[in-house]
Amino acid sequence: MSQPEVHRQVQQRQRAVQDADELRPRVIRALGRIAEDFTAALEAEPQQRVEIYLYRYAIQ
């Protein structure tokens, strides 16, 4: 493998790590919202569970 090819691959990996680092907080917040919604749905009456699910996940 040529040196320019190695350099290009290293840069790609560095960009991928940087992208993952930038996305991590957004993913954590999204997972937190999903957990809150499912907790609320589990505590709700059966009809409300369906409405919460449809509103938050199917419609949006």
PDB file of N, CA and C in Angstrom:
ATOM      1  N   MET A   1       0.857  -1.165   0.000  1.00  0.00           N
ATOM      2  CA  MET A   1       0.000   0.000   0.000  1.00  0.00           C
ATOM      3  C   MET A   1       0.907   1.233   0.000  1.00  0.00           C
ATOM      4  N   SER A   2       0.586   2.172  -0.855  1.00  0.00           N
ATOM      5  CA  SER A   2       1.409   3.376  -0.972  1.00  0.00           C
ATOM      6  C   SER A   2       1.194   4.299   0.227  1.00  0.00           C
ATOM      7  N   GLN A   3       2.160   5.166   0.425  1.00  0.00           N
ATOM      8  CA  GLN A   3       2.072   6.098   1.555  1.00  0.00           C
ATOM      9  C   GLN A   3       0.863   7.032   1.434  1.00  0.00           C
ATOM     10  N   PRO A   4       0.571   7.580   0.232  1.00  0.00           N
ATOM     11  CA  PRO A   4      -0.631   8.427   0.122  1.00  0.00           C
ATOM     12  C   PRO A   4      -1.921   7.662   0.470  1.00  0.00           C
ATOM     13  N   GLU A   5      -1.973   6.382   0.085  1.00  0.00           N
ATOM     14  CA  GLU A   5      -3.155   5.572   0.397  1.00  0.00           C
ATOM     15  C   GLU A   5      -3.286   5.368   1.907  1.00  0.00           C
ATOM     16  N   VAL A   6      -2.191   5.093   2.572  1.00  0.00           N
ATOM     17  CA  VAL A   6      -2.202   4.932   4.031  1.00  0.00           C
ATOM     18  C   VAL A   6      -2.648   6.237   4.685  1.00  0.00           C
ATOM     19  N   HIS A   7      -2.108   7.353   4.212  1.00  0.00           N
ATOM     20  CA  HIS A   7      -2.462   8.662   4.763  1.00  0.00           C
ATOM     21  C   HIS A   7      -3.960   8.932   4.586  1.00  0.00           C
ATOM     22  N   ARG A   8      -4.485   8.599   3.418  1.00  0.00           N
ATOM     23  CA  ARG A   8      -5.910   8.803   3.140  1.00  0.00           C
ATOM     24  C   ARG A   8      -6.764   7.958   4.085  1.00  0.00           C
ATOM     25  N   GLN A   9      -6.378   6.713   4.294  1.00  0.00           N
ATOM     26  CA  GLN A   9      -7.142   5.840   5.189  1.00  0.00           C
ATOM     27  C   GLN A   9      -7.096   6.337   6.632  1.00  0.00           C
ATOM     28  N   VAL A  10      -5.941   6.824   7.059  1.00  0.00           N
ATOM     29  CA  VAL A  10      -5.819   7.370   8.413  1.00  0.00           C
ATOM     30  C   VAL A  10      -6.739   8.574   8.567  1.00  0.00           C
ATOM     31  N   GLN A  11      -6.767   9.453   7.572  1.00  0.00           N
ATOM     32  CA  GLN A  11      -7.643  10.627   7.626  1.00  0.00           C
ATOM     33  C   GLN A  11      -9.114  10.216   7.677  1.00  0.00           C
ATOM     34  N   GLN A  12      -9.483   9.198   6.892  1.00  0.00           N
ATOM     35  CA  GLN A  12     -10.873   8.725   6.904  1.00  0.00           C
ATOM     36  C   GLN A  12     -11.253   8.206   8.285  1.00  0.00           C
ATOM     37  N   ARG A  13     -10.377   7.452   8.894  1.00  0.00           N
ATOM     38  CA  ARG A  13     -10.661   6.914  10.231  1.00  0.00           C
ATOM     39  C   ARG A  13     -10.762   8.035  11.255  1.00  0.00           C
ATOM     40  N   GLN A  14      -9.887   9.031  11.147  1.00  0.00           N
ATOM     41  CA  GLN A  14      -9.939  10.163  12.079  1.00  0.00           C
ATOM     42  C   GLN A  14     -11.251  10.924  11.928  1.00  0.00           C
ATOM     43  N   ARG A  15     -11.701  11.122  10.687  1.00  0.00           N
ATOM     44  CA  ARG A  15     -12.982  11.798  10.449  1.00  0.00           C
ATOM     45  C   ARG A  15     -14.139  10.976  11.013  1.00  0.00           C
ATOM     46  N   ALA A  16     -14.083   9.664  10.849  1.00  0.00           N
ATOM     47  CA  ALA A  16     -15.149   8.803  11.366  1.00  0.00           C
ATOM     48  C   ALA A  16     -15.227   8.893  12.889  1.00  0.00           C
ATOM     49  N   VAL A  17     -14.080   8.908  13.554  1.00  0.00           N
ATOM     50  CA  VAL A  17     -14.057   9.029  15.016  1.00  0.00           C
ATOM     51  C   VAL A  17     -14.601  10.385  15.433  1.00  0.00           C
ATOM     52  N   GLN A  18     -14.206  11.440  14.727  1.00  0.00           N
ATOM     53  CA  GLN A  18     -14.688  12.786  15.044  1.00  0.00           C
ATOM     54  C   GLN A  18     -16.203  12.872  14.846  1.00  0.00           C
ATOM     55  N   ASP A  19     -16.696  12.307  13.746  1.00  0.00           N
ATOM     56  CA  ASP A  19     -18.142  12.309  13.493  1.00  0.00           C
ATOM     57  C   ASP A  19     -18.888  11.580  14.606  1.00  0.00           C
ATOM     58  N   ALA A  20     -18.361  10.436  15.026  1.00  0.00           N
ATOM     59  CA  ALA A  20     -18.998   9.675  16.105  1.00  0.00           C
ATOM     60  C   ALA A  20     -18.994  10.476  17.403  1.00  0.00           C
ATOM     61  N   ASP A  21     -17.893  11.150  17.694  1.00  0.00           N
ATOM     62  CA  ASP A  21     -17.812  11.962  18.911  1.00  0.00           C
ATOM     63  C   ASP A  21     -18.828  13.100  18.889  1.00  0.00           C
ATOM     64  N   GLU A  22     -19.039  13.687  17.709  1.00  0.00           N
ATOM     65  CA  GLU A  22     -19.996  14.787  17.591  1.00  0.00           C
ATOM     66  C   GLU A  22     -21.440  14.292  17.705  1.00  0.00           C
ATOM     67  N   LEU A  23     -21.708  13.083  17.226  1.00  0.00           N
ATOM     68  CA  LEU A  23     -23.070  12.541  17.263  1.00  0.00           C
ATOM     69  C   LEU A  23     -23.441  11.957  18.622  1.00  0.00           C
ATOM     70  N   ARG A  24     -22.468  11.523  19.385  1.00  0.00           N
ATOM     71  CA  ARG A  24     -22.733  10.823  20.645  1.00  0.00           C
ATOM     72  C   ARG A  24     -23.708  11.574  21.558  1.00  0.00           C
ATOM     73  N   PRO A  25     -23.525  12.874  21.840  1.00  0.00           N
ATOM     74  CA  PRO A  25     -24.474  13.565  22.734  1.00  0.00           C
ATOM     75  C   PRO A  25     -25.901  13.592  22.179  1.00  0.00           C
ATOM     76  N   ARG A  26     -26.043  13.733  20.878  1.00  0.00           N
ATOM     77  CA  ARG A  26     -27.380  13.751  20.277  1.00  0.00           C
ATOM     78  C   ARG A  26     -28.051  12.389  20.410  1.00  0.00           C
ATOM     79  N   VAL A  27     -27.274  11.338  20.212  1.00  0.00           N
ATOM     80  CA  VAL A  27     -27.818   9.983  20.333  1.00  0.00           C
ATOM     81  C   VAL A  27     -28.235   9.711  21.774  1.00  0.00           C
ATOM     82  N   ILE A  28     -27.405  10.126  22.726  1.00  0.00           N
ATOM     83  CA  ILE A  28     -27.726   9.919  24.141  1.00  0.00           C
ATOM     84  C   ILE A  28     -29.003  10.664  24.516  1.00  0.00           C
ATOM     85  N   ARG A  29     -29.147  11.913  24.048  1.00  0.00           N
ATOM     86  CA  ARG A  29     -30.371  12.671  24.335  1.00  0.00           C
ATOM     87  C   ARG A  29     -31.590  11.993  23.711  1.00  0.00           C
ATOM     88  N   ALA A  30     -31.442  11.527  22.473  1.00  0.00           N
ATOM     89  CA  ALA A  30     -32.564  10.864  21.797  1.00  0.00           C
ATOM     90  C   ALA A  30     -32.962   9.590  22.535  1.00  0.00           C
ATOM     91  N   LEU A  31     -31.986   8.811  22.971  1.00  0.00           N
ATOM     92  CA  LEU A  31     -32.299   7.595  23.721  1.00  0.00           C
ATOM     93  C   LEU A  31     -32.978   7.922  25.046  1.00  0.00           C
ATOM     94  N   GLY A  32     -32.568   9.008  25.669  1.00  0.00           N
ATOM     95  CA  GLY A  32     -33.212   9.438  26.908  1.00  0.00           C
ATOM     96  C   GLY A  32     -34.670   9.800  26.686  1.00  0.00           C
ATOM     97  N   ARG A  33     -34.947  10.521  25.582  1.00  0.00           N
ATOM     98  CA  ARG A  33     -36.336  10.882  25.269  1.00  0.00           C
ATOM     99  C   ARG A  33     -37.171   9.633  24.991  1.00  0.00           C
ATOM    100  N   ILE A  34     -36.593   8.691  24.264  1.00  0.00           N
ATOM    101  CA  ILE A  34     -37.314   7.448  23.970  1.00  0.00           C
ATOM    102  C   ILE A  34     -37.624   6.702  25.270  1.00  0.00           C
ATOM    103  N   ALA A  35     -36.649   6.626  26.163  1.00  0.00           N
ATOM    104  CA  ALA A  35     -36.868   5.947  27.448  1.00  0.00           C
ATOM    105  C   ALA A  35     -37.966   6.639  28.251  1.00  0.00           C
ATOM    106  N   GLU A  36     -37.961   7.971  28.264  1.00  0.00           N
ATOM    107  CA  GLU A  36     -39.007   8.710  28.976  1.00  0.00           C
ATOM    108  C   GLU A  36     -40.380   8.438  28.374  1.00  0.00           C
ATOM    109  N   ASP A  37     -40.448   8.427  27.045  1.00  0.00           N
ATOM    110  CA  ASP A  37     -41.727   8.186  26.382  1.00  0.00           C
ATOM    111  C   ASP A  37     -42.253   6.785  26.675  1.00  0.00           C
ATOM    112  N   PHE A  38     -41.382   5.790  26.626  1.00  0.00           N
ATOM    113  CA  PHE A  38     -41.841   4.431  26.896  1.00  0.00           C
ATOM    114  C   PHE A  38     -42.223   4.260  28.357  1.00  0.00           C
ATOM    115  N   THR A  39     -41.511   4.926  29.250  1.00  0.00           N
ATOM    116  CA  THR A  39     -41.887   4.880  30.667  1.00  0.00           C
ATOM    117  C   THR A  39     -43.276   5.482  30.852  1.00  0.00           C
ATOM    118  N   ALA A  40     -43.512   6.626  30.228  1.00  0.00           N
ATOM    119  CA  ALA A  40     -44.833   7.259  30.309  1.00  0.00           C
ATOM    120  C   ALA A  40     -45.899   6.348  29.712  1.00  0.00           C
ATOM    121  N   ALA A  41     -45.570   5.696  28.612  1.00  0.00           N
ATOM    122  CA  ALA A  41     -46.541   4.807  27.974  1.00  0.00           C
ATOM    123  C   ALA A  41     -46.863   3.617  28.869  1.00  0.00           C
ATOM    124  N   LEU A  42     -45.860   3.078  29.539  1.00  0.00           N
ATOM    125  CA  LEU A  42     -46.103   1.939  30.431  1.00  0.00           C
ATOM    126  C   LEU A  42     -46.966   2.326  31.622  1.00  0.00           C
ATOM    127  N   GLU A  43     -46.844   3.576  32.054  1.00  0.00           N
ATOM    128  CA  GLU A  43     -47.622   4.045  33.198  1.00  0.00           C
ATOM    129  C   GLU A  43     -49.024   4.504  32.802  1.00  0.00           C
ATOM    130  N   ALA A  44     -49.257   4.686  31.529  1.00  0.00           N
ATOM    131  CA  ALA A  44     -50.536   5.213  31.043  1.00  0.00           C
ATOM    132  C   ALA A  44     -51.563   4.088  30.889  1.00  0.00           C
ATOM    133  N   GLU A  45     -52.784   4.504  30.666  1.00  0.00           N
ATOM    134  CA  GLU A  45     -53.847   3.557  30.357  1.00  0.00           C
ATOM    135  C   GLU A  45     -53.584   2.980  28.962  1.00  0.00           C
ATOM    136  N   PRO A  46     -54.144   1.800  28.656  1.00  0.00           N
ATOM    137  CA  PRO A  46     -53.881   1.169  27.356  1.00  0.00           C
ATOM    138  C   PRO A  46     -54.170   2.071  26.153  1.00  0.00           C
ATOM    139  N   GLN A  47     -55.283   2.811  26.172  1.00  0.00           N
ATOM    140  CA  GLN A  47     -55.599   3.681  25.037  1.00  0.00           C
ATOM    141  C   GLN A  47     -54.558   4.785  24.899  1.00  0.00           C
ATOM    142  N   GLN A  48     -54.111   5.334  26.015  1.00  0.00           N
ATOM    143  CA  GLN A  48     -53.101   6.383  25.967  1.00  0.00           C
ATOM    144  C   GLN A  48     -51.775   5.837  25.455  1.00  0.00           C
ATOM    145  N   ARG A  49     -51.467   4.594  25.769  1.00  0.00           N
ATOM    146  CA  ARG A  49     -50.226   3.987  25.278  1.00  0.00           C
ATOM    147  C   ARG A  49     -50.191   4.016  23.757  1.00  0.00           C
ATOM    148  N   VAL A  50     -51.303   3.620  23.156  1.00  0.00           N
ATOM    149  CA  VAL A  50     -51.382   3.611  21.696  1.00  0.00           C
ATOM    150  C   VAL A  50     -51.231   5.027  21.159  1.00  0.00           C
ATOM    151  N   GLU A  51     -51.903   5.984  21.780  1.00  0.00           N
ATOM    152  CA  GLU A  51     -51.828   7.364  21.311  1.00  0.00           C
ATOM    153  C   GLU A  51     -50.416   7.918  21.448  1.00  0.00           C
ATOM    154  N   ILE A  52     -49.756   7.644  22.557  1.00  0.00           N
ATOM    155  CA  ILE A  52     -48.377   8.117  22.746  1.00  0.00           C
ATOM    156  C   ILE A  52     -47.479   7.523  21.673  1.00  0.00           C
ATOM    157  N   TYR A  53     -47.604   6.233  21.432  1.00  0.00           N
ATOM    158  CA  TYR A  53     -46.774   5.582  20.430  1.00  0.00           C
ATOM    159  C   TYR A  53     -47.010   6.195  19.053  1.00  0.00           C
ATOM    160  N   LEU A  54     -48.274   6.326  18.665  1.00  0.00           N
ATOM    161  CA  LEU A  54     -48.580   6.867  17.343  1.00  0.00           C
ATOM    162  C   LEU A  54     -48.062   8.288  17.192  1.00  0.00           C
ATOM    163  N   TYR A  55     -48.249   9.084  18.217  1.00  0.00           N
ATOM    164  CA  TYR A  55     -47.829  10.478  18.121  1.00  0.00           C
ATOM    165  C   TYR A  55     -46.313  10.590  18.029  1.00  0.00           C
ATOM    166  N   ARG A  56     -45.598   9.923  18.902  1.00  0.00           N
ATOM    167  CA  ARG A  56     -44.154  10.128  18.996  1.00  0.00           C
ATOM    168  C   ARG A  56     -43.366   9.415  17.906  1.00  0.00           C
ATOM    169  N   TYR A  57     -43.819   8.252  17.457  1.00  0.00           N
ATOM    170  CA  TYR A  57     -42.963   7.446  16.596  1.00  0.00           C
ATOM    171  C   TYR A  57     -43.528   7.187  15.211  1.00  0.00           C
ATOM    172  N   ALA A  58     -44.811   6.979  15.091  1.00  0.00           N
ATOM    173  CA  ALA A  58     -45.362   6.645  13.785  1.00  0.00           C
ATOM    174  C   ALA A  58     -45.662   7.884  12.958  1.00  0.00           C
ATOM    175  N   ILE A  59     -46.144   8.932  13.594  1.00  0.00           N
ATOM    176  CA  ILE A  59     -46.573  10.115  12.852  1.00  0.00           C
ATOM    177  C   ILE A  59     -45.391  10.999  12.477  1.00  0.00           C
ATOM    178  N   GLN A  60     -44.422  11.137  13.368  1.00  0.00           N
ATOM    179  CA  GLN A  60     -43.328  12.083  13.122  1.00  0.00           C
ATOM    180  C   GLN A  60     -42.351  11.586  12.104  1.00  0.00           C
TER     181      GLN A  60
END
